[in-house]
Amino acid sequence: MHRSGNSPGRSRVGIIADRTDRQVAGWAEWADALDAGKGKMKLPQTGGCLCGKIRYEISEAPRLVYTCHCTECQHLTSSAFSIALAVAGFRLTGDEPQPLESTADSGRVKIRWVCPVCGCWLFSTGKPGRVRAGTLDDTSWLRPTMHFWTRSKQPWIMLPGDDETFETQPG
């Protein structure tokens, strides 16, 4: 299933659940309570690259939705930050992505998995681990609650006061 870059739900950011609900409810109960179409998530989630050659399915609620404000993500996304999901229950259903390696300032090798046809960055840190939120078919339920590399965030970005923030990469 190919989607256009201007689909209705792609620019909306909804609220998953408030922080208290997520801390009290277990992940399974939290995932069951989500309902698509009302700013809530429905499982499975699907997504893929821009050209449609690579598709994936996520069968479990993400453990985390976060933004990264590092300068490398700013360059890679041509934006002020990237948004990602820490996931398990991930399955590729299309072609295989190819690795794009770079070296962090720490010397650690980072691997980003991209479509060899359109170059879309799909996920990082193994296969998958960290899925790029913009590659989801439905982004209406997304609401980041953690923000990394805030020391390099753009000055006009205002972060919610109750979200967790980290000046660099959390340990």
Protein backbone atom coordinates (compact mmCIF):
# COMPACT_ATOMS: atom_id res chain seq x y z
CA MET A 1 0.00 0.00 0.00
CA HIS A 2 1.61 3.24 -1.15
CA ARG A 3 0.75 6.50 0.56
CA SER A 4 1.23 10.07 -0.54
CA GLY A 5 3.32 12.47 1.50
CA ASN A 6 0.29 14.66 2.14
CA SER A 7 -2.10 12.19 3.75
CA PRO A 8 -4.53 13.79 6.22
CA GLY A 9 -3.21 12.26 9.47
CA ARG A 10 0.50 12.82 8.85
CA SER A 11 0.76 16.34 10.24
CA ARG A 12 -1.50 15.87 13.26
CA VAL A 13 0.00 15.03 16.63
CA GLY A 14 -2.41 13.41 19.03
CA ILE A 15 -2.09 12.48 22.66
CA ILE A 16 -1.62 8.79 23.46
CA ALA A 17 -2.41 8.91 27.16
CA ASP A 18 -1.18 11.11 29.93
CA ARG A 19 2.00 10.21 31.82
CA THR A 20 0.10 8.99 34.91
CA ASP A 21 -2.01 6.56 32.86
CA ARG A 22 1.11 5.07 31.27
CA GLN A 23 2.89 4.68 34.61
CA VAL A 24 -0.07 3.01 36.29
CA ALA A 25 -1.31 0.77 33.49
CA GLY A 26 0.81 -2.08 32.19
CA TRP A 27 1.88 -1.88 28.55
CA ALA A 28 -0.60 -4.57 27.44
CA GLU A 29 -3.53 -2.83 29.12
CA TRP A 30 -2.36 0.52 27.75
CA ALA A 31 -2.14 -0.84 24.20
CA ASP A 32 -5.61 -2.43 24.47
CA ALA A 33 -7.07 0.90 25.58
CA LEU A 34 -5.86 2.73 22.48
CA ASP A 35 -8.37 3.34 19.70
CA ALA A 36 -7.49 4.63 16.20
CA GLY A 37 -9.44 7.54 14.80
CA LYS A 38 -9.62 9.42 18.09
CA GLY A 39 -5.96 10.38 18.44
CA LYS A 40 -5.29 6.89 19.80
CA MET A 41 -3.16 4.06 18.51
CA LYS A 42 -4.50 0.81 17.05
CA LEU A 43 -2.43 -2.34 16.63
CA PRO A 44 -0.96 -3.51 14.43
CA GLN A 45 0.67 -0.34 13.15
CA THR A 46 2.00 -0.40 9.59
CA GLY A 47 4.43 1.75 7.70
CA GLY A 48 7.09 1.86 5.05
CA CYS A 49 9.34 3.89 2.85
CA LEU A 50 8.26 6.62 0.48
CA CYS A 51 8.38 4.48 -2.68
CA GLY A 52 6.55 1.55 -1.03
CA LYS A 53 9.25 -1.10 -1.70
CA ILE A 54 9.84 -1.64 2.03
CA ARG A 55 6.89 -2.22 4.36
CA TYR A 56 6.72 -3.18 8.02
CA GLU A 57 4.27 -4.05 10.77
CA ILE A 58 4.50 -3.31 14.49
CA SER A 59 2.45 -5.67 16.68
CA GLU A 60 3.24 -4.23 20.14
CA ALA A 61 2.77 -0.78 21.65
CA PRO A 62 5.97 1.27 21.54
CA ARG A 63 7.99 1.40 24.73
CA LEU A 64 8.84 5.02 24.04
CA VAL A 65 8.08 7.86 21.61
CA TYR A 66 10.85 10.48 21.58
CA THR A 67 12.41 13.34 19.67
CA CYS A 68 16.10 13.72 18.94
CA HIS A 69 17.45 17.25 18.53
CA CYS A 70 21.06 16.30 17.68
CA THR A 71 22.57 18.16 14.76
CA GLU A 72 22.98 14.94 12.77
CA CYS A 73 19.23 14.22 12.97
CA GLN A 74 18.57 17.83 12.01
CA HIS A 75 20.70 17.37 8.89
CA LEU A 76 19.32 13.92 8.01
CA THR A 77 15.68 15.00 8.34
CA SER A 78 16.07 18.57 7.01
CA SER A 79 14.10 19.57 10.08
CA ALA A 80 14.54 20.72 13.68
CA PHE A 81 14.41 17.18 15.11
CA SER A 82 13.53 13.57 14.34
CA ILE A 83 10.77 11.55 16.01
CA ALA A 84 11.21 7.85 16.71
CA LEU A 85 9.59 4.92 18.50
CA ALA A 86 11.37 2.31 20.56
CA VAL A 87 9.63 -0.89 19.50
CA ALA A 88 9.55 -4.65 19.73
CA GLY A 89 7.21 -6.84 17.74
CA PHE A 90 8.55 -5.48 14.44
CA ARG A 91 8.34 -7.42 11.17
CA LEU A 92 9.48 -6.43 7.69
CA THR A 93 6.92 -7.29 5.01
CA GLY A 94 8.64 -5.86 1.94
CA ASP A 95 12.11 -5.63 0.45
CA GLU A 96 15.24 -5.53 2.60
CA PRO A 97 16.66 -2.15 3.63
CA GLN A 98 20.36 -1.38 3.37
CA PRO A 99 22.62 -0.15 6.18
CA LEU A 100 23.96 3.40 6.23
CA GLU A 101 26.84 3.63 8.71
CA SER A 102 28.27 6.69 10.42
CA THR A 103 30.49 7.25 13.43
CA ALA A 104 29.31 9.20 16.47
CA ASP A 105 31.55 11.71 18.25
CA SER A 106 32.00 9.00 20.89
CA GLY A 107 33.48 6.67 18.26
CA ARG A 108 30.43 4.36 18.33
CA VAL A 109 29.30 3.15 14.89
CA LYS A 110 25.67 4.01 14.21
CA ILE A 111 23.63 2.10 11.65
CA ARG A 112 20.60 3.60 9.97
CA TRP A 113 18.54 1.32 7.74
CA VAL A 114 17.36 2.98 4.53
CA CYS A 115 15.48 2.02 1.39
CA PRO A 116 17.99 1.37 -1.42
CA VAL A 117 15.50 2.81 -3.96
CA CYS A 118 14.15 6.04 -2.39
CA GLY A 119 16.70 6.54 0.43
CA CYS A 120 14.02 6.82 3.14
CA TRP A 121 15.44 6.34 6.66
CA LEU A 122 13.24 3.67 8.27
CA PHE A 123 14.91 2.59 11.50
CA SER A 124 18.14 2.60 13.51
CA THR A 125 20.07 0.62 16.10
CA GLY A 126 19.80 -2.90 14.76
CA LYS A 127 16.83 -4.30 12.88
CA PRO A 128 14.75 -2.41 13.99
CA GLY A 129 14.90 -1.04 17.54
CA ARG A 130 14.17 2.61 16.72
CA VAL A 131 11.56 3.19 14.01
CA ARG A 132 11.31 6.64 12.38
CA ALA A 133 7.83 7.90 13.25
CA GLY A 134 7.30 9.64 9.92
CA THR A 135 7.35 6.27 8.15
CA LEU A 136 4.16 5.11 9.93
CA ASP A 137 0.97 5.05 7.86
CA ASP A 138 -0.96 6.58 10.78
CA THR A 139 0.84 9.20 12.86
CA SER A 140 -2.30 10.77 14.38
CA TRP A 141 -1.72 9.11 17.78
CA LEU A 142 1.94 10.11 18.23
CA ARG A 143 2.97 12.20 21.18
CA PRO A 144 6.64 12.23 22.19
CA THR A 145 7.26 12.21 25.95
CA MET A 146 11.09 12.25 25.94
CA HIS A 147 13.49 14.60 24.18
CA PHE A 148 17.19 13.83 23.56
CA TRP A 149 20.07 16.17 22.71
CA THR A 150 18.16 19.24 23.86
CA ARG A 151 21.41 21.20 24.14
CA SER A 152 21.35 21.44 20.33
CA LYS A 153 17.60 21.98 19.86
CA GLN A 154 16.49 24.99 17.88
CA PRO A 155 15.74 27.98 20.16
CA TRP A 156 12.17 28.32 18.88
CA ILE A 157 11.25 24.76 19.94
CA MET A 158 9.21 24.76 23.16
CA LEU A 159 9.08 21.41 24.98
CA PRO A 160 6.18 20.40 27.24
CA GLY A 161 7.12 20.98 30.88
CA ASP A 162 6.16 17.50 32.10
CA ASP A 163 8.18 15.62 29.46
CA GLU A 164 11.61 14.15 30.24
CA THR A 165 14.49 16.01 28.62
CA PHE A 166 18.14 15.08 28.21
CA GLU A 167 20.93 17.45 27.20
CA THR A 168 22.66 14.57 25.37
CA GLN A 169 21.95 10.87 24.79
CA PRO A 170 20.51 9.21 27.92
CA GLY A 171 22.54 6.35 29.34
